[in-house]
């Protein structure tokens, strides 16, 4: 399944505005709406109020994140009346209503984690509090995802682990973004974009091709659900999905012809 759910993130908007926008998206789209909630600068009452308003409007899918601090070079400090972290939020939301909660997973560990073991322990804690699925940070090396999945399963994590896919439309921006969130960019991808700094259209074509190949490799390893990070630009993700679907249909048609040949 190729997923591009509509997402609404409240911390940058006042709660009434967030609820209004999410309701509008739900009413005007057939795409499932998932609201993003973070612990940053919000009390438990504020978080719960947004979540219950979504639920009242038929939106029960939530992506529960600790969230990043907004002040540069500062460390995360929980709101004095807020949830401590994502695990605490998951626990609270599950008590609040029938929410389907997705959490974040990090194939290359969270940038603030001590090590991979601590990071996986934190993931397991979020799962134990009631999370329903894991959406990973984007990555470009499929083997890192597979190792992450294996380690998670070895810890007893049984909920779906959905890989996050980010089609590259501007390599320099993605490179900068990756350095901040701990995602490694393989040397071969660097070489693919070498000399294309001023050619945005070719960058998109290369980025789409890389994303398609990544999805196909993961699908061959038993992954059948994907989460696309559009970064508010849906066109490239849409093109990738359309190509993947087209390739799948072409393969099925070829197999049918061979079957009756």
Protein backbone atom coordinates (compact mmCIF):
# COMPACT_ATOMS: atom_id res chain seq x y z
CA UNK A 1 0.00 0.00 0.00
CA UNK A 2 1.35 3.43 -0.96
CA UNK A 3 0.32 5.92 1.68
CA UNK A 4 0.16 9.69 1.32
CA UNK A 5 -2.23 10.58 4.16
CA UNK A 6 -3.22 14.16 4.75
CA UNK A 7 -1.55 15.37 7.93
CA UNK A 8 -2.25 18.34 10.13
CA UNK A 9 0.26 19.40 12.77
CA UNK A 10 -1.08 21.62 15.57
CA UNK A 11 1.94 23.10 17.33
CA UNK A 12 2.39 25.77 14.64
CA UNK A 13 -1.33 26.58 14.68
CA UNK A 14 -3.74 27.45 17.44
CA UNK A 15 -5.91 24.39 18.36
CA UNK A 16 -9.23 25.84 16.99
CA UNK A 17 -7.53 26.57 13.65
CA UNK A 18 -5.99 23.09 13.57
CA UNK A 19 -9.33 21.38 14.17
CA UNK A 20 -11.02 23.53 11.53
CA UNK A 21 -8.37 22.76 8.92
CA UNK A 22 -8.34 19.02 9.62
CA UNK A 23 -12.14 18.87 9.38
CA UNK A 24 -12.03 20.71 6.04
CA UNK A 25 -9.43 18.29 4.65
CA UNK A 26 -11.46 15.27 5.78
CA UNK A 27 -14.68 16.59 4.24
CA UNK A 28 -13.07 17.48 0.91
CA UNK A 29 -10.81 14.46 0.44
CA UNK A 30 -11.08 10.68 0.29
CA UNK A 31 -7.54 10.37 1.67
CA UNK A 32 -7.38 9.34 5.35
CA UNK A 33 -6.49 12.25 7.58
CA UNK A 34 -3.89 11.78 10.31
CA UNK A 35 -3.31 14.56 12.79
CA UNK A 36 0.22 15.18 14.10
CA UNK A 37 0.55 15.86 17.80
CA UNK A 38 3.76 16.79 19.61
CA UNK A 39 4.66 17.43 23.23
CA UNK A 40 6.48 20.68 22.46
CA UNK A 41 5.04 23.77 24.15
CA UNK A 42 1.65 22.13 24.81
CA UNK A 43 0.01 21.10 28.06
CA UNK A 44 -1.79 17.78 28.42
CA UNK A 45 -5.11 19.62 28.36
CA UNK A 46 -4.23 21.33 25.08
CA UNK A 47 -3.11 18.08 23.46
CA UNK A 48 -6.16 16.21 24.72
CA UNK A 49 -8.49 18.97 23.57
CA UNK A 50 -7.15 18.83 20.01
CA UNK A 51 -7.30 15.02 19.95
CA UNK A 52 -10.90 14.90 21.23
CA UNK A 53 -11.97 17.57 18.74
CA UNK A 54 -10.51 15.46 15.93
CA UNK A 55 -12.29 12.39 17.26
CA UNK A 56 -15.57 14.28 17.41
CA UNK A 57 -15.11 15.11 13.71
CA UNK A 58 -14.41 11.52 12.71
CA UNK A 59 -10.61 11.67 12.76
CA UNK A 60 -9.10 8.97 14.96
CA UNK A 61 -5.66 8.62 13.32
CA UNK A 62 -2.86 10.38 15.14
CA UNK A 63 0.88 10.54 14.64
CA UNK A 64 2.24 11.03 18.16
CA UNK A 65 5.68 12.62 18.32
CA UNK A 66 7.80 14.16 21.02
CA UNK A 67 8.62 16.93 18.58
CA UNK A 68 11.62 19.14 17.97
CA UNK A 69 12.39 22.30 19.91
CA UNK A 70 11.90 25.53 18.02
CA UNK A 71 14.85 27.41 19.48
CA UNK A 72 18.12 26.64 17.72
CA UNK A 73 20.77 24.78 19.74
CA UNK A 74 18.46 24.24 22.71
CA UNK A 75 17.51 20.92 24.30
CA UNK A 76 14.02 19.52 24.67
CA UNK A 77 12.34 20.26 27.99
CA UNK A 78 8.82 18.93 28.63
CA UNK A 79 6.04 21.46 29.21
CA UNK A 80 5.55 21.74 32.96
CA UNK A 81 1.93 20.59 32.54
CA UNK A 82 2.49 18.48 29.46
CA UNK A 83 3.30 14.94 28.43
CA UNK A 84 6.91 14.02 29.16
CA UNK A 85 7.57 12.36 25.82
CA UNK A 86 5.89 10.46 22.98
CA UNK A 87 5.46 7.29 25.06
CA UNK A 88 3.68 9.29 27.76
CA UNK A 89 1.44 10.89 25.12
CA UNK A 90 0.56 7.54 23.57
CA UNK A 91 -0.43 6.23 27.00
CA UNK A 92 -2.60 9.29 27.66
CA UNK A 93 -4.29 9.30 24.27
CA UNK A 94 -5.14 5.61 24.49
CA UNK A 95 -6.96 6.30 27.75
CA UNK A 96 -8.73 9.23 26.14
CA UNK A 97 -10.38 7.51 23.17
CA UNK A 98 -10.26 4.93 20.41
CA UNK A 99 -7.30 6.38 18.55
CA UNK A 100 -5.13 4.64 15.98
CA UNK A 101 -1.70 5.92 16.89
CA UNK A 102 1.43 5.91 14.78
CA UNK A 103 4.82 6.65 16.31
CA UNK A 104 8.25 7.45 14.92
CA UNK A 105 11.02 4.91 14.42
CA UNK A 106 14.61 5.61 13.43
CA UNK A 107 16.54 3.12 11.26
CA UNK A 108 19.70 5.14 11.96
CA UNK A 109 18.65 6.13 15.53
CA UNK A 110 17.31 9.47 16.72
CA UNK A 111 20.03 12.17 16.63
CA UNK A 112 19.66 12.71 20.39
CA UNK A 113 19.82 9.03 21.35
CA UNK A 114 22.92 7.71 23.14
CA UNK A 115 23.10 4.66 20.92
CA UNK A 116 20.98 2.26 18.89
CA UNK A 117 20.15 0.10 21.91
CA UNK A 118 18.75 3.04 23.89
CA UNK A 119 16.86 4.19 20.83
CA UNK A 120 15.22 0.78 20.35
CA UNK A 121 14.36 0.62 24.05
CA UNK A 122 12.55 3.93 23.69
CA UNK A 123 10.72 2.59 20.63
CA UNK A 124 9.67 -0.51 22.57
CA UNK A 125 8.37 1.69 25.39
CA UNK A 126 6.16 3.60 22.94
CA UNK A 127 4.85 0.32 21.56
CA UNK A 128 4.16 -1.01 25.06
CA UNK A 129 2.09 2.09 25.82
CA UNK A 130 -0.29 1.19 23.01
CA UNK A 131 1.06 2.43 19.68
CA UNK A 132 -0.53 0.75 16.66
CA UNK A 133 2.14 1.26 14.00
CA UNK A 134 5.59 2.69 13.43
CA UNK A 135 6.45 5.14 10.65
CA UNK A 136 10.18 5.46 10.19
CA UNK A 137 12.35 8.44 9.52
CA UNK A 138 13.28 8.58 5.84
CA UNK A 139 16.37 6.71 4.71
CA UNK A 140 18.17 5.88 1.47
CA UNK A 141 19.89 2.60 2.31
CA UNK A 142 17.31 -0.19 2.35
CA UNK A 143 19.64 -2.51 4.26
CA UNK A 144 19.59 -0.11 7.23
CA UNK A 145 15.81 -0.42 7.34
CA UNK A 146 15.92 -4.21 7.17
CA UNK A 147 18.44 -4.38 10.04
CA UNK A 148 16.30 -1.96 12.05
CA UNK A 149 13.22 -4.09 11.40
CA UNK A 150 15.03 -7.25 12.47
CA UNK A 151 16.28 -5.63 15.69
CA UNK A 152 12.79 -4.33 16.48
CA UNK A 153 11.24 -7.76 15.96
CA UNK A 154 13.91 -9.34 18.17
CA UNK A 155 12.74 -7.03 20.98
CA UNK A 156 9.19 -8.33 20.63
CA UNK A 157 7.79 -5.50 18.54
CA UNK A 158 4.97 -6.94 16.48
CA UNK A 159 3.12 -3.89 15.15
CA UNK A 160 3.61 -2.81 11.50
CA UNK A 161 6.83 -0.95 10.71
CA UNK A 162 6.20 1.35 7.75
CA UNK A 163 9.25 2.75 5.94
CA UNK A 164 9.34 6.49 5.36
CA UNK A 165 10.20 7.41 1.78
CA UNK A 166 11.40 10.88 0.77
CA UNK A 167 11.68 11.45 -2.99
CA UNK A 168 14.50 13.95 -3.58
CA UNK A 169 13.43 17.05 -5.47
CA UNK A 170 16.26 19.34 -4.31
CA UNK A 171 19.41 17.50 -3.34
CA UNK A 172 21.12 20.29 -1.38
CA UNK A 173 18.02 20.86 0.76
CA UNK A 174 17.58 17.15 1.41
CA UNK A 175 21.28 16.82 2.20
CA UNK A 176 21.02 19.59 4.79
CA UNK A 177 17.80 18.12 6.19
CA UNK A 178 19.40 14.68 6.40
CA UNK A 179 22.39 15.96 8.37
CA UNK A 180 20.03 17.39 11.01
CA UNK A 181 17.95 14.24 11.44
CA UNK A 182 20.75 11.69 11.25
CA UNK A 183 20.00 10.15 7.86
CA UNK A 184 23.01 8.93 5.88
CA UNK A 185 23.19 9.74 2.18
CA UNK A 186 25.19 7.04 0.33
CA UNK A 187 28.07 8.14 -1.87
CA UNK A 188 26.39 6.74 -4.97
CA UNK A 189 23.46 9.13 -4.48
CA UNK A 190 25.89 12.05 -4.12
CA UNK A 191 27.36 11.05 -7.48
CA UNK A 192 23.93 10.81 -9.11
CA UNK A 193 23.27 14.48 -8.29
CA UNK A 194 26.76 15.78 -9.03
CA UNK A 195 26.60 18.58 -11.60
CA UNK A 196 22.81 18.95 -11.37
CA UNK A 197 22.80 21.88 -8.93
CA UNK A 198 21.09 24.23 -11.39
CA UNK A 199 18.83 21.70 -13.10
CA UNK A 200 15.83 21.23 -10.82
CA UNK A 201 13.81 19.19 -13.31
CA UNK A 202 16.53 16.58 -13.83
CA UNK A 203 17.00 16.42 -10.05
CA UNK A 204 13.33 15.48 -9.71
CA UNK A 205 13.63 12.76 -12.36
CA UNK A 206 16.69 11.29 -10.62
CA UNK A 207 14.98 11.59 -7.23
CA UNK A 208 11.86 9.82 -8.48
CA UNK A 209 13.93 6.99 -9.93
CA UNK A 210 15.84 6.51 -6.66
CA UNK A 211 12.60 6.45 -4.67
CA UNK A 212 11.02 3.90 -7.03
CA UNK A 213 14.05 1.61 -6.80
CA UNK A 214 14.05 1.87 -2.99
CA UNK A 215 10.37 0.92 -2.77
CA UNK A 216 10.89 -2.05 -5.11
CA UNK A 217 13.83 -3.34 -3.08
CA UNK A 218 11.82 -3.08 0.13
CA UNK A 219 8.80 -4.75 -1.47
CA UNK A 220 11.01 -7.66 -2.51
CA UNK A 221 11.85 -8.05 1.20
CA UNK A 222 8.20 -8.36 2.20
CA UNK A 223 7.35 -4.70 2.83
CA UNK A 224 3.91 -3.87 1.43
CA UNK A 225 3.10 -0.51 3.00
CA UNK A 226 4.96 2.78 2.55
CA UNK A 227 4.69 6.29 3.93
CA UNK A 228 5.72 9.13 1.63
CA UNK A 229 7.06 12.38 3.01
CA UNK A 230 5.78 15.04 0.63
CA UNK A 231 7.04 18.11 2.57
CA UNK A 232 3.95 19.92 1.31
CA UNK A 233 4.90 19.17 -2.30
CA UNK A 234 2.80 16.23 -3.41
CA UNK A 235 3.68 16.20 -7.11
CA UNK A 236 6.88 14.16 -6.97
CA UNK A 237 5.45 11.59 -4.54
CA UNK A 238 2.39 11.31 -6.77
CA UNK A 239 4.61 10.70 -9.80
CA UNK A 240 6.55 8.00 -7.93
CA UNK A 241 3.35 6.24 -6.87
CA UNK A 242 1.93 6.44 -10.38
CA UNK A 243 5.08 4.89 -11.84
CA UNK A 244 5.13 2.11 -9.25
CA UNK A 245 1.50 1.27 -9.93
CA UNK A 246 2.15 1.33 -13.67
CA UNK A 247 5.13 -1.00 -13.29
CA UNK A 248 3.06 -3.37 -11.18
CA UNK A 249 0.28 -3.51 -13.78
CA UNK A 250 2.83 -4.07 -16.57
CA UNK A 251 4.39 -6.95 -14.62
CA UNK A 252 1.00 -8.54 -13.98
CA UNK A 253 0.05 -8.27 -17.67
CA UNK A 254 3.36 -9.85 -18.69
CA UNK A 255 2.84 -12.73 -16.25
CA UNK A 256 -0.67 -13.30 -17.62
CA UNK A 257 0.61 -13.45 -21.19
CA UNK A 258 3.33 -15.93 -20.19
CA UNK A 259 0.75 -18.03 -18.38
CA UNK A 260 -1.42 -18.37 -21.47
CA UNK A 261 1.42 -18.55 -24.01
